[in-house]
Amino acid sequence: MANSISTASAEIRESVQVVESFFEAQEIPLEQRTDVTVEELEKLSLPFSAELYNGKVVYKMPSPAHAIIQNKIGHKIENYLESNPIGVVMGNGNYRLWPERNKESRAPDVSFILNERLPKDLFRYPSLAPDLAVEILSPGNSFEDIMEKVDEYLAQGAKLVWVVICRRREVLVCTAQSKYIVKDKLTAPELLPGFELAVKDIFVGL
């Protein structure tokens, strides 16, 4: 027991020292650096969710409407999982889509991973793509940028990606084989058997 506490304390001290030395050593603001690694990002307590693009930190700063939609989808999947515990759902969970590239990470607005694919250490960014990724296309986002992320998720093993198009109040459903618009009801029979989400419910109050 004493050894376990000692080991945990040492790990905490090491993490604190890494963060302190990281900031002390920076003459260039974090946002301007192009050499940030996934390992560094994992250890930092940043004020916003962030992704890494070729070593550059890109913050995700959603609008209230974006955050409301994100929460609704996440909660709907979470409610489903209470009766069907087949995996876990995350909001802004960061992923190492390319394990060999330590300056790249992506954080879908909502994501789902089946239990059999869950990594053992959930305190580290998973070195895989989620089974389901959800991206919300808000007025401040570029459709081209979102679709580039969609292609990245699918290329690295995601089975399904939902792109919520706020202005049109519809969802673009993407798989490796096809892309199509859904305006009535979202389902995912191969991943979430029996799950249903009316698209109109995503936008209630907005």
N, C-alpha and C. Protein backbone atom coordinates (compact mmCIF):
# COMPACT_ATOMS: atom_id res chain seq x y z
N MET A 1 0.84 -1.20 0.00
CA MET A 1 0.00 0.00 0.00
C MET A 1 0.87 1.25 0.00
N ALA A 2 1.88 1.24 0.86
CA ALA A 2 2.78 2.39 0.96
C ALA A 2 3.51 2.60 -0.35
N ASN A 3 3.91 1.48 -0.98
CA ASN A 3 4.61 1.59 -2.26
C ASN A 3 3.71 2.18 -3.33
N SER A 4 2.44 1.79 -3.32
CA SER A 4 1.49 2.31 -4.31
C SER A 4 1.31 3.81 -4.15
N ILE A 5 1.18 4.27 -2.91
CA ILE A 5 1.02 5.70 -2.65
C ILE A 5 2.28 6.46 -3.06
N SER A 6 3.43 5.89 -2.76
CA SER A 6 4.70 6.52 -3.11
C SER A 6 4.85 6.63 -4.61
N THR A 7 4.48 5.55 -5.32
CA THR A 7 4.57 5.56 -6.79
C THR A 7 3.63 6.61 -7.38
N ALA A 8 2.39 6.67 -6.88
CA ALA A 8 1.41 7.64 -7.37
C ALA A 8 1.89 9.06 -7.12
N SER A 9 2.45 9.31 -5.94
CA SER A 9 2.95 10.65 -5.61
C SER A 9 4.09 11.04 -6.53
N ALA A 10 4.96 10.08 -6.83
CA ALA A 10 6.09 10.36 -7.72
C ALA A 10 5.60 10.70 -9.12
N GLU A 11 4.57 9.99 -9.58
CA GLU A 11 4.02 10.26 -10.91
C GLU A 11 3.38 11.64 -10.97
N ILE A 12 2.68 12.02 -9.90
CA ILE A 12 2.06 13.35 -9.85
C ILE A 12 3.13 14.44 -9.87
N ARG A 13 4.18 14.25 -9.05
CA ARG A 13 5.27 15.24 -9.02
C ARG A 13 5.92 15.36 -10.39
N GLU A 14 6.11 14.22 -11.05
CA GLU A 14 6.74 14.25 -12.38
C GLU A 14 5.88 15.01 -13.37
N SER A 15 4.56 14.79 -13.33
CA SER A 15 3.65 15.49 -14.24
C SER A 15 3.68 16.99 -13.98
N VAL A 16 3.65 17.37 -12.70
CA VAL A 16 3.70 18.80 -12.34
C VAL A 16 4.99 19.43 -12.83
N GLN A 17 6.11 18.72 -12.64
CA GLN A 17 7.40 19.24 -13.07
C GLN A 17 7.46 19.40 -14.58
N VAL A 18 6.86 18.45 -15.30
CA VAL A 18 6.84 18.54 -16.76
C VAL A 18 6.09 19.78 -17.21
N VAL A 19 4.91 20.01 -16.60
CA VAL A 19 4.10 21.18 -16.97
C VAL A 19 4.82 22.47 -16.62
N GLU A 20 5.41 22.54 -15.41
CA GLU A 20 6.11 23.75 -14.98
C GLU A 20 7.29 24.05 -15.88
N SER A 21 8.08 23.03 -16.17
CA SER A 21 9.27 23.25 -17.01
C SER A 21 8.86 23.60 -18.43
N PHE A 22 7.73 23.05 -18.87
CA PHE A 22 7.24 23.35 -20.21
C PHE A 22 6.96 24.84 -20.36
N PHE A 23 6.24 25.41 -19.40
CA PHE A 23 5.88 26.82 -19.50
C PHE A 23 7.07 27.73 -19.21
N GLU A 24 7.93 27.33 -18.28
CA GLU A 24 9.09 28.15 -17.96
C GLU A 24 10.03 28.27 -19.15
N ALA A 25 10.08 27.20 -19.94
CA ALA A 25 11.03 27.18 -21.06
C ALA A 25 10.52 27.89 -22.30
N GLN A 26 9.25 28.27 -22.28
CA GLN A 26 8.68 28.83 -23.49
C GLN A 26 8.92 30.33 -23.62
N GLU A 27 9.69 30.71 -24.64
CA GLU A 27 9.81 32.11 -24.99
C GLU A 27 8.75 32.46 -26.03
N ILE A 28 8.30 31.44 -26.74
CA ILE A 28 7.26 31.62 -27.76
C ILE A 28 5.95 31.13 -27.15
N PRO A 29 4.86 31.91 -27.26
CA PRO A 29 3.57 31.47 -26.73
C PRO A 29 3.17 30.12 -27.33
N LEU A 30 2.50 29.33 -26.53
CA LEU A 30 2.11 27.99 -26.97
C LEU A 30 1.39 28.01 -28.31
N GLU A 31 0.49 28.98 -28.47
CA GLU A 31 -0.32 29.04 -29.69
C GLU A 31 0.50 29.30 -30.94
N GLN A 32 1.73 29.83 -30.77
CA GLN A 32 2.57 30.15 -31.92
C GLN A 32 3.60 29.07 -32.23
N ARG A 33 3.70 28.08 -31.37
CA ARG A 33 4.67 27.02 -31.58
C ARG A 33 4.21 26.05 -32.65
N THR A 34 5.15 25.41 -33.32
CA THR A 34 4.83 24.40 -34.33
C THR A 34 5.55 23.09 -34.03
N ASP A 35 5.95 22.93 -32.76
CA ASP A 35 6.69 21.72 -32.39
C ASP A 35 6.09 21.03 -31.16
N VAL A 36 4.82 21.32 -30.86
CA VAL A 36 4.16 20.70 -29.72
C VAL A 36 3.86 19.24 -30.05
N THR A 37 4.12 18.35 -29.11
CA THR A 37 3.87 16.93 -29.33
C THR A 37 2.61 16.48 -28.60
N VAL A 38 2.11 15.33 -28.99
CA VAL A 38 0.94 14.76 -28.33
C VAL A 38 1.23 14.53 -26.85
N GLU A 39 2.43 14.06 -26.55
CA GLU A 39 2.80 13.81 -25.17
C GLU A 39 2.74 15.09 -24.33
N GLU A 40 3.16 16.20 -24.90
CA GLU A 40 3.09 17.48 -24.19
C GLU A 40 1.64 17.88 -23.98
N LEU A 41 0.86 17.76 -25.03
CA LEU A 41 -0.55 18.19 -24.97
C LEU A 41 -1.31 17.38 -23.92
N GLU A 42 -1.00 16.10 -23.80
CA GLU A 42 -1.67 15.24 -22.82
C GLU A 42 -1.45 15.73 -21.40
N LYS A 43 -0.30 16.32 -21.14
CA LYS A 43 0.07 16.70 -19.78
C LYS A 43 -0.37 18.11 -19.41
N LEU A 44 -0.85 18.87 -20.40
CA LEU A 44 -1.21 20.27 -20.14
C LEU A 44 -2.69 20.40 -19.77
N SER A 45 -2.97 21.27 -18.82
CA SER A 45 -4.36 21.58 -18.46
C SER A 45 -4.76 22.85 -19.20
N LEU A 46 -5.17 22.67 -20.43
CA LEU A 46 -5.52 23.83 -21.26
C LEU A 46 -6.95 24.28 -20.97
N PRO A 47 -7.25 25.57 -21.18
CA PRO A 47 -8.58 26.10 -20.87
C PRO A 47 -9.66 25.62 -21.83
N PHE A 48 -9.26 25.16 -23.03
CA PHE A 48 -10.22 24.70 -24.02
C PHE A 48 -9.73 23.39 -24.62
N SER A 49 -10.67 22.64 -25.19
CA SER A 49 -10.29 21.46 -25.96
C SER A 49 -9.42 21.91 -27.13
N ALA A 50 -8.43 21.09 -27.48
CA ALA A 50 -7.50 21.49 -28.54
C ALA A 50 -7.08 20.27 -29.36
N GLU A 51 -6.72 20.54 -30.59
CA GLU A 51 -6.18 19.52 -31.48
C GLU A 51 -4.78 19.93 -31.91
N LEU A 52 -4.03 18.97 -32.40
CA LEU A 52 -2.69 19.25 -32.91
C LEU A 52 -2.67 19.06 -34.42
N TYR A 53 -2.20 20.08 -35.11
CA TYR A 53 -2.03 20.01 -36.55
C TYR A 53 -0.56 20.31 -36.86
N ASN A 54 0.18 19.25 -37.15
CA ASN A 54 1.60 19.40 -37.46
C ASN A 54 2.34 20.18 -36.38
N GLY A 55 2.05 19.86 -35.13
CA GLY A 55 2.74 20.49 -34.01
C GLY A 55 2.17 21.80 -33.56
N LYS A 56 1.09 22.27 -34.18
CA LYS A 56 0.47 23.54 -33.81
C LYS A 56 -0.83 23.26 -33.06
N VAL A 57 -0.99 23.91 -31.90
CA VAL A 57 -2.20 23.75 -31.10
C VAL A 57 -3.33 24.58 -31.70
N VAL A 58 -4.44 23.93 -31.98
CA VAL A 58 -5.62 24.61 -32.51
C VAL A 58 -6.76 24.40 -31.51
N TYR A 59 -7.18 25.49 -30.87
CA TYR A 59 -8.24 25.39 -29.87
C TYR A 59 -9.61 25.21 -30.53
N LYS A 60 -10.47 24.46 -29.85
CA LYS A 60 -11.86 24.34 -30.25
C LYS A 60 -12.68 25.17 -29.27
N MET A 61 -13.27 26.25 -29.75
CA MET A 61 -14.01 27.18 -28.88
C MET A 61 -15.43 27.29 -29.41
N PRO A 62 -16.30 26.34 -29.03
CA PRO A 62 -17.65 26.29 -29.58
C PRO A 62 -18.55 27.41 -29.11
N SER A 63 -19.49 27.77 -29.96
CA SER A 63 -20.53 28.72 -29.58
C SER A 63 -21.51 28.01 -28.65
N PRO A 64 -22.38 28.78 -27.96
CA PRO A 64 -23.39 28.13 -27.11
C PRO A 64 -24.25 27.13 -27.88
N ALA A 65 -24.68 27.47 -29.09
CA ALA A 65 -25.51 26.55 -29.88
C ALA A 65 -24.76 25.27 -30.19
N HIS A 66 -23.49 25.42 -30.55
CA HIS A 66 -22.63 24.26 -30.84
C HIS A 66 -22.54 23.36 -29.61
N ALA A 67 -22.31 23.96 -28.45
CA ALA A 67 -22.16 23.19 -27.22
C ALA A 67 -23.46 22.49 -26.83
N ILE A 68 -24.60 23.16 -27.06
CA ILE A 68 -25.90 22.56 -26.74
C ILE A 68 -26.15 21.33 -27.60
N ILE A 69 -25.87 21.44 -28.90
CA ILE A 69 -26.05 20.31 -29.81
C ILE A 69 -25.12 19.16 -29.41
N GLN A 70 -23.90 19.50 -29.10
CA GLN A 70 -22.91 18.51 -28.67
C GLN A 70 -23.40 17.74 -27.44
N ASN A 71 -23.91 18.48 -26.45
CA ASN A 71 -24.40 17.85 -25.23
C ASN A 71 -25.62 16.96 -25.48
N LYS A 72 -26.51 17.43 -26.36
CA LYS A 72 -27.71 16.64 -26.64
C LYS A 72 -27.36 15.30 -27.26
N ILE A 73 -26.46 15.31 -28.24
CA ILE A 73 -26.08 14.05 -28.90
C ILE A 73 -25.34 13.14 -27.92
N GLY A 74 -24.41 13.71 -27.17
CA GLY A 74 -23.67 12.92 -26.20
C GLY A 74 -24.57 12.30 -25.15
N HIS A 75 -25.53 13.08 -24.64
CA HIS A 75 -26.44 12.57 -23.61
C HIS A 75 -27.37 11.50 -24.16
N LYS A 76 -27.79 11.66 -25.41
CA LYS A 76 -28.67 10.66 -26.02
C LYS A 76 -27.94 9.32 -26.14
N ILE A 77 -26.69 9.36 -26.57
CA ILE A 77 -25.91 8.12 -26.68
C ILE A 77 -25.64 7.55 -25.28
N GLU A 78 -25.34 8.43 -24.33
CA GLU A 78 -25.09 7.98 -22.96
C GLU A 78 -26.33 7.29 -22.37
N ASN A 79 -27.50 7.85 -22.62
CA ASN A 79 -28.74 7.23 -22.14
C ASN A 79 -28.94 5.85 -22.76
N TYR A 80 -28.62 5.73 -24.03
CA TYR A 80 -28.71 4.43 -24.71
C TYR A 80 -27.76 3.43 -24.07
N LEU A 81 -26.55 3.88 -23.74
CA LEU A 81 -25.54 2.97 -23.19
C LEU A 81 -25.87 2.51 -21.77
N GLU A 82 -26.70 3.26 -21.06
CA GLU A 82 -27.10 2.82 -19.73
C GLU A 82 -27.85 1.49 -19.78
N SER A 83 -28.62 1.30 -20.85
CA SER A 83 -29.35 0.04 -21.03
C SER A 83 -28.60 -0.94 -21.93
N ASN A 84 -27.64 -0.41 -22.67
CA ASN A 84 -26.87 -1.23 -23.60
C ASN A 84 -25.38 -0.91 -23.43
N PRO A 85 -24.75 -1.43 -22.39
CA PRO A 85 -23.36 -1.06 -22.08
C PRO A 85 -22.33 -1.69 -23.01
N ILE A 86 -22.34 -1.25 -24.25
CA ILE A 86 -21.47 -1.87 -25.25
C ILE A 86 -20.22 -1.02 -25.55
N GLY A 87 -20.12 0.13 -24.93
CA GLY A 87 -18.97 1.00 -25.20
C GLY A 87 -19.03 2.26 -24.37
N VAL A 88 -18.23 3.25 -24.75
CA VAL A 88 -18.21 4.52 -24.02
C VAL A 88 -18.37 5.68 -25.01
N VAL A 89 -18.98 6.76 -24.53
CA VAL A 89 -19.14 7.97 -25.33
C VAL A 89 -18.33 9.08 -24.68
N MET A 90 -17.74 9.93 -25.50
CA MET A 90 -16.91 11.03 -25.00
C MET A 90 -17.24 12.31 -25.74
N GLY A 91 -17.06 13.42 -25.04
CA GLY A 91 -17.16 14.73 -25.66
C GLY A 91 -15.77 15.34 -25.77
N ASN A 92 -15.38 15.72 -26.97
CA ASN A 92 -14.06 16.32 -27.21
C ASN A 92 -12.91 15.39 -26.83
N GLY A 93 -13.13 14.10 -26.85
CA GLY A 93 -12.03 13.17 -26.58
C GLY A 93 -10.98 13.27 -27.67
N ASN A 94 -9.72 13.36 -27.27
CA ASN A 94 -8.64 13.53 -28.23
C ASN A 94 -8.09 12.17 -28.67
N TYR A 95 -7.77 12.04 -29.94
CA TYR A 95 -7.31 10.77 -30.50
C TYR A 95 -6.00 10.94 -31.29
N ARG A 96 -5.13 9.96 -31.11
CA ARG A 96 -3.94 9.87 -31.96
C ARG A 96 -4.32 9.00 -33.16
N LEU A 97 -4.85 9.62 -34.19
CA LEU A 97 -5.28 8.84 -35.35
C LEU A 97 -4.09 8.16 -36.02
N TRP A 98 -2.93 8.78 -35.90
CA TRP A 98 -1.71 8.23 -36.49
C TRP A 98 -0.69 8.04 -35.37
N PRO A 99 -0.61 6.86 -34.77
CA PRO A 99 0.29 6.64 -33.62
C PRO A 99 1.74 7.00 -33.89
N GLU A 100 2.16 6.88 -35.15
CA GLU A 100 3.55 7.17 -35.48
C GLU A 100 3.82 8.66 -35.68
N ARG A 101 2.78 9.47 -35.68
CA ARG A 101 2.94 10.91 -35.88
C ARG A 101 2.63 11.63 -34.58
N ASN A 102 3.67 12.04 -33.87
CA ASN A 102 3.46 12.56 -32.51
C ASN A 102 3.17 14.06 -32.46
N LYS A 103 2.87 14.66 -33.62
CA LYS A 103 2.49 16.06 -33.64
C LYS A 103 1.09 16.25 -34.24
N GLU A 104 0.31 15.17 -34.21
CA GLU A 104 -1.04 15.22 -34.77
C GLU A 104 -2.04 14.59 -33.82
N SER A 105 -3.17 15.25 -33.60
CA SER A 105 -4.28 14.66 -32.85
C SER A 105 -5.57 15.30 -33.33
N ARG A 106 -6.67 14.57 -33.17
CA ARG A 106 -7.97 15.09 -33.55
C ARG A 106 -8.97 14.83 -32.42
N ALA A 107 -9.88 15.77 -32.23
CA ALA A 107 -10.86 15.68 -31.14
C ALA A 107 -12.26 15.90 -31.68
N PRO A 108 -12.98 14.84 -32.02
CA PRO A 108 -14.37 15.00 -32.48
C PRO A 108 -15.22 15.64 -31.39
N ASP A 109 -16.29 16.30 -31.79
CA ASP A 109 -17.18 16.92 -30.81
C ASP A 109 -17.79 15.85 -29.90
N VAL A 110 -18.16 14.73 -30.48
CA VAL A 110 -18.65 13.57 -29.73
C VAL A 110 -18.05 12.34 -30.39
N SER A 111 -17.72 11.33 -29.58
CA SER A 111 -17.20 10.09 -30.16
C SER A 111 -17.64 8.89 -29.33
N PHE A 112 -17.62 7.74 -29.96
CA PHE A 112 -18.03 6.49 -29.31
C PHE A 112 -17.05 5.40 -29.68
N ILE A 113 -16.66 4.60 -28.67
CA ILE A 113 -15.76 3.46 -28.90
C ILE A 113 -16.39 2.21 -28.30
N LEU A 114 -16.42 1.13 -29.05
CA LEU A 114 -16.90 -0.14 -28.55
C LEU A 114 -15.97 -0.68 -27.47
N ASN A 115 -16.53 -1.42 -26.52
CA ASN A 115 -15.74 -1.94 -25.40
C ASN A 115 -14.52 -2.73 -25.86
N GLU A 116 -14.70 -3.55 -26.90
CA GLU A 116 -13.60 -4.41 -27.32
C GLU A 116 -12.43 -3.65 -27.93
N ARG A 117 -12.64 -2.37 -28.24
CA ARG A 117 -11.56 -1.57 -28.81
C ARG A 117 -11.00 -0.55 -27.83
N LEU A 118 -11.57 -0.51 -26.62
CA LEU A 118 -11.11 0.47 -25.65
C LEU A 118 -9.67 0.21 -25.23
N PRO A 119 -8.82 1.25 -25.23
CA PRO A 119 -7.45 1.07 -24.72
C PRO A 119 -7.47 0.86 -23.22
N LYS A 120 -6.42 0.23 -22.70
CA LYS A 120 -6.36 -0.04 -21.26
C LYS A 120 -6.18 1.25 -20.46
N ASP A 121 -5.39 2.17 -20.98
CA ASP A 121 -5.12 3.41 -20.26
C ASP A 121 -5.98 4.54 -20.82
N LEU A 122 -7.05 4.87 -20.12
CA LEU A 122 -7.96 5.91 -20.59
C LEU A 122 -7.52 7.31 -20.16
N PHE A 123 -6.35 7.41 -19.53
CA PHE A 123 -5.79 8.72 -19.20
C PHE A 123 -4.84 9.20 -20.30
N ARG A 124 -4.69 8.40 -21.33
CA ARG A 124 -3.87 8.78 -22.48
C ARG A 124 -4.77 8.88 -23.71
N TYR A 125 -4.34 9.66 -24.70
CA TYR A 125 -5.12 9.74 -25.93
C TYR A 125 -5.11 8.38 -26.63
N PRO A 126 -6.27 7.85 -27.00
CA PRO A 126 -6.30 6.55 -27.69
C PRO A 126 -5.56 6.60 -29.03
N SER A 127 -4.78 5.59 -29.31
CA SER A 127 -4.05 5.51 -30.58
C SER A 127 -4.89 4.74 -31.59
N LEU A 128 -6.03 5.30 -31.89
CA LEU A 128 -6.96 4.70 -32.84
C LEU A 128 -8.01 5.74 -33.21
N ALA A 129 -8.85 5.39 -34.17
CA ALA A 129 -9.99 6.25 -34.51
C ALA A 129 -11.21 5.73 -33.77
N PRO A 130 -12.12 6.60 -33.36
CA PRO A 130 -13.35 6.11 -32.71
C PRO A 130 -14.20 5.34 -33.70
N ASP A 131 -15.09 4.50 -33.18
CA ASP A 131 -16.02 3.79 -34.06
C ASP A 131 -17.02 4.77 -34.68
N LEU A 132 -17.46 5.74 -33.86
CA LEU A 132 -18.36 6.79 -34.33
C LEU A 132 -17.77 8.14 -33.95
N ALA A 133 -17.70 9.04 -34.91
CA ALA A 133 -17.26 10.41 -34.64
C ALA A 133 -18.38 11.36 -35.06
N VAL A 134 -18.56 12.41 -34.29
CA VAL A 134 -19.57 13.43 -34.60
C VAL A 134 -18.88 14.78 -34.68
N GLU A 135 -19.07 15.47 -35.78
CA GLU A 135 -18.55 16.83 -35.96
C GLU A 135 -19.73 17.76 -36.22
N ILE A 136 -19.72 18.91 -35.57
CA ILE A 136 -20.79 19.88 -35.71
C ILE A 136 -20.32 21.05 -36.57
N LEU A 137 -20.98 21.23 -37.69
CA LEU A 137 -20.63 22.30 -38.62
C LEU A 137 -21.38 23.57 -38.21
N SER A 138 -20.69 24.43 -37.51
CA SER A 138 -21.26 25.71 -37.08
C SER A 138 -20.86 26.80 -38.07
N PRO A 139 -21.50 27.98 -37.98
CA PRO A 139 -21.17 29.07 -38.91
C PRO A 139 -19.68 29.41 -38.96
N GLY A 140 -18.97 29.21 -37.86
CA GLY A 140 -17.56 29.57 -37.85
C GLY A 140 -16.64 28.50 -38.40
N ASN A 141 -17.20 27.33 -38.76
CA ASN A 141 -16.39 26.25 -39.31
C ASN A 141 -16.41 26.24 -40.82
N SER A 142 -15.38 25.67 -41.40
CA SER A 142 -15.32 25.48 -42.85
C SER A 142 -15.80 24.08 -43.18
N PHE A 143 -16.71 23.96 -44.13
CA PHE A 143 -17.19 22.65 -44.55
C PHE A 143 -16.04 21.80 -45.08
N GLU A 144 -15.14 22.44 -45.81
CA GLU A 144 -14.00 21.71 -46.36
C GLU A 144 -13.12 21.14 -45.25
N ASP A 145 -12.89 21.93 -44.20
CA ASP A 145 -12.06 21.46 -43.08
C ASP A 145 -12.73 20.29 -42.36
N ILE A 146 -14.04 20.41 -42.17
CA ILE A 146 -14.78 19.33 -41.50
C ILE A 146 -14.71 18.05 -42.33
N MET A 147 -14.88 18.17 -43.63
CA MET A 147 -14.87 16.99 -44.48
C MET A 147 -13.47 16.37 -44.56
N GLU A 148 -12.46 17.19 -44.42
CA GLU A 148 -11.10 16.64 -44.36
C GLU A 148 -10.94 15.76 -43.12
N LYS A 149 -11.52 16.22 -42.00
CA LYS A 149 -11.48 15.42 -40.78
C LYS A 149 -12.30 14.14 -40.95
N VAL A 150 -13.43 14.24 -41.60
CA VAL A 150 -14.25 13.06 -41.86
C VAL A 150 -13.43 12.00 -42.59
N ASP A 151 -12.73 12.43 -43.63
CA ASP A 151 -11.91 11.50 -44.40
C ASP A 151 -10.79 10.90 -43.55
N GLU A 152 -10.25 11.70 -42.64
CA GLU A 152 -9.20 11.20 -41.75
C GLU A 152 -9.74 10.12 -40.83
N TYR A 153 -10.89 10.39 -40.22
CA TYR A 153 -11.49 9.40 -39.33
C TYR A 153 -11.75 8.08 -40.06
N LEU A 154 -12.37 8.17 -41.22
CA LEU A 154 -12.73 6.97 -41.97
C LEU A 154 -11.49 6.22 -42.45
N ALA A 155 -10.48 6.96 -42.89
CA ALA A 155 -9.25 6.32 -43.38
C ALA A 155 -8.53 5.56 -42.27
N GLN A 156 -8.71 6.04 -41.02
CA GLN A 156 -8.01 5.40 -39.90
C GLN A 156 -8.88 4.38 -39.15
N GLY A 157 -10.06 4.09 -39.69
CA GLY A 157 -10.83 2.98 -39.12
C GLY A 157 -12.18 3.30 -38.53
N ALA A 158 -12.59 4.57 -38.51
CA ALA A 158 -13.93 4.89 -38.02
C ALA A 158 -14.98 4.23 -38.92
N LYS A 159 -16.02 3.71 -38.32
CA LYS A 159 -17.07 3.05 -39.10
C LYS A 159 -18.14 4.03 -39.56
N LEU A 160 -18.30 5.12 -38.78
CA LEU A 160 -19.40 6.04 -39.05
C LEU A 160 -19.05 7.43 -38.56
N VAL A 161 -19.40 8.45 -39.36
CA VAL A 161 -19.21 9.84 -38.96
C VAL A 161 -20.49 10.60 -39.24
N TRP A 162 -20.95 11.34 -38.24
CA TRP A 162 -22.10 12.22 -38.42
C TRP A 162 -21.61 13.66 -38.46
N VAL A 163 -22.00 14.40 -39.48
CA VAL A 163 -21.69 15.83 -39.57
C VAL A 163 -23.01 16.58 -39.41
N VAL A 164 -23.15 17.28 -38.29
CA VAL A 164 -24.37 18.04 -38.01
C VAL A 164 -24.26 19.39 -38.70
N ILE A 165 -25.15 19.65 -39.63
CA ILE A 165 -25.13 20.90 -40.40
C ILE A 165 -26.17 21.84 -39.80
N CYS A 166 -25.71 22.75 -38.98
CA CYS A 166 -26.62 23.56 -38.17
C CYS A 166 -27.56 24.42 -39.00
N ARG A 167 -27.05 25.13 -39.98
CA ARG A 167 -27.88 26.08 -40.73
C ARG A 167 -29.00 25.37 -41.49
N ARG A 168 -28.76 24.14 -41.91
CA ARG A 168 -29.77 23.40 -42.68
C ARG A 168 -30.57 22.43 -41.80
N ARG A 169 -30.16 22.32 -40.53
CA ARG A 169 -30.84 21.45 -39.58
C ARG A 169 -30.97 20.03 -40.14
N GLU A 170 -29.85 19.50 -40.55
CA GLU A 170 -29.79 18.15 -41.07
C GLU A 170 -28.43 17.54 -40.72
N VAL A 171 -28.29 16.25 -40.98
CA VAL A 171 -27.05 15.55 -40.65
C VAL A 171 -26.54 14.82 -41.88
N LEU A 172 -25.26 15.00 -42.17
CA LEU A 172 -24.60 14.26 -43.24
C LEU A 172 -24.01 13.01 -42.63
N VAL A 173 -24.48 11.86 -43.07
CA VAL A 173 -24.00 10.57 -42.57
C VAL A 173 -22.92 10.06 -43.52
N CYS A 174 -21.75 9.75 -42.95
CA CYS A 174 -20.61 9.34 -43.77
C CYS A 174 -20.08 7.98 -43.34
N THR A 175 -19.88 7.11 -44.30
CA THR A 175 -19.20 5.84 -44.08
C THR A 175 -18.13 5.72 -45.15
N ALA A 176 -17.35 4.68 -45.09
CA ALA A 176 -16.31 4.48 -46.10
C ALA A 176 -16.92 4.23 -47.48
N GLN A 177 -18.18 3.79 -47.48
CA GLN A 177 -18.81 3.45 -48.77
C GLN A 177 -19.71 4.55 -49.32
N SER A 178 -20.26 5.41 -48.45
CA SER A 178 -21.24 6.38 -48.94
C SER A 178 -21.37 7.58 -48.02
N LYS A 179 -22.01 8.62 -48.57
CA LYS A 179 -22.35 9.83 -47.81
C LYS A 179 -23.76 10.23 -48.22
N TYR A 180 -24.62 10.50 -47.22
CA TYR A 180 -25.99 10.87 -47.54
C TYR A 180 -26.57 11.73 -46.43
N ILE A 181 -27.56 12.53 -46.79
CA ILE A 181 -28.21 13.45 -45.86
C ILE A 181 -29.38 12.78 -45.16
N VAL A 182 -29.47 13.02 -43.85
CA VAL A 182 -30.60 12.52 -43.05
C VAL A 182 -31.31 13.72 -42.43
N LYS A 183 -32.62 13.79 -42.62
CA LYS A 183 -33.40 14.89 -42.05
C LYS A 183 -34.43 14.42 -41.04
N ASP A 184 -34.64 13.11 -40.96
CA ASP A 184 -35.68 12.63 -40.06
C ASP A 184 -35.13 11.94 -38.81
N LYS A 185 -34.44 10.81 -38.97
CA LYS A 185 -34.04 10.02 -37.81
C LYS A 185 -32.65 9.43 -38.01
N LEU A 186 -31.78 9.63 -37.02
CA LEU A 186 -30.45 9.03 -37.05
C LEU A 186 -30.48 7.65 -36.40
N THR A 187 -29.88 6.69 -37.09
CA THR A 187 -29.72 5.35 -36.53
C THR A 187 -28.30 4.88 -36.83
N ALA A 188 -27.90 3.83 -36.13
CA ALA A 188 -26.57 3.24 -36.36
C ALA A 188 -26.67 1.75 -36.04
N PRO A 189 -27.43 1.01 -36.83
CA PRO A 189 -27.73 -0.38 -36.49
C PRO A 189 -26.52 -1.28 -36.30
N GLU A 190 -25.44 -1.03 -37.02
CA GLU A 190 -24.27 -1.90 -36.89
C GLU A 190 -23.44 -1.57 -35.65
N LEU A 191 -23.55 -0.34 -35.16
CA LEU A 191 -22.79 0.07 -33.98
C LEU A 191 -23.65 0.15 -32.73
N LEU A 192 -24.83 0.75 -32.88
CA LEU A 192 -25.72 1.00 -31.75
C LEU A 192 -27.09 0.41 -32.08
N PRO A 193 -27.24 -0.90 -32.00
CA PRO A 193 -28.51 -1.54 -32.38
C PRO A 193 -29.69 -0.99 -31.56
N GLY A 194 -30.72 -0.55 -32.27
CA GLY A 194 -31.91 -0.03 -31.59
C GLY A 194 -31.84 1.44 -31.25
N PHE A 195 -30.71 2.08 -31.47
CA PHE A 195 -30.56 3.52 -31.16
C PHE A 195 -31.29 4.34 -32.21
N GLU A 196 -32.01 5.37 -31.74
CA GLU A 196 -32.68 6.30 -32.64
C GLU A 196 -32.58 7.71 -32.06
N LEU A 197 -32.36 8.67 -32.93
CA LEU A 197 -32.33 10.08 -32.53
C LEU A 197 -32.99 10.90 -33.62
N ALA A 198 -34.13 11.51 -33.29
CA ALA A 198 -34.82 12.36 -34.27
C ALA A 198 -33.96 13.60 -34.50
N VAL A 199 -33.69 13.88 -35.75
CA VAL A 199 -32.83 15.03 -36.08
C VAL A 199 -33.42 16.33 -35.55
N LYS A 200 -34.73 16.47 -35.61
CA LYS A 200 -35.37 17.72 -35.12
C LYS A 200 -35.10 17.94 -33.64
N ASP A 201 -34.92 16.84 -32.88
CA ASP A 201 -34.68 16.98 -31.44
C ASP A 201 -33.30 17.59 -31.14
N ILE A 202 -32.37 17.44 -32.07
CA ILE A 202 -31.03 18.00 -31.89
C ILE A 202 -31.10 19.53 -31.83
N PHE A 203 -32.07 20.08 -32.53
CA PHE A 203 -32.12 21.55 -32.69
C PHE A 203 -33.23 22.20 -31.87
N VAL A 204 -33.87 21.47 -30.99
CA VAL A 204 -34.94 22.05 -30.16
C VAL A 204 -34.37 23.21 -29.34
N GLY A 205 -35.05 24.35 -29.41
CA GLY A 205 -34.63 25.52 -28.65
C GLY A 205 -33.60 26.39 -29.34
N LEU A 206 -33.19 26.00 -30.54
CA LEU A 206 -32.15 26.77 -31.26
C LEU A 206 -32.72 27.44 -32.50
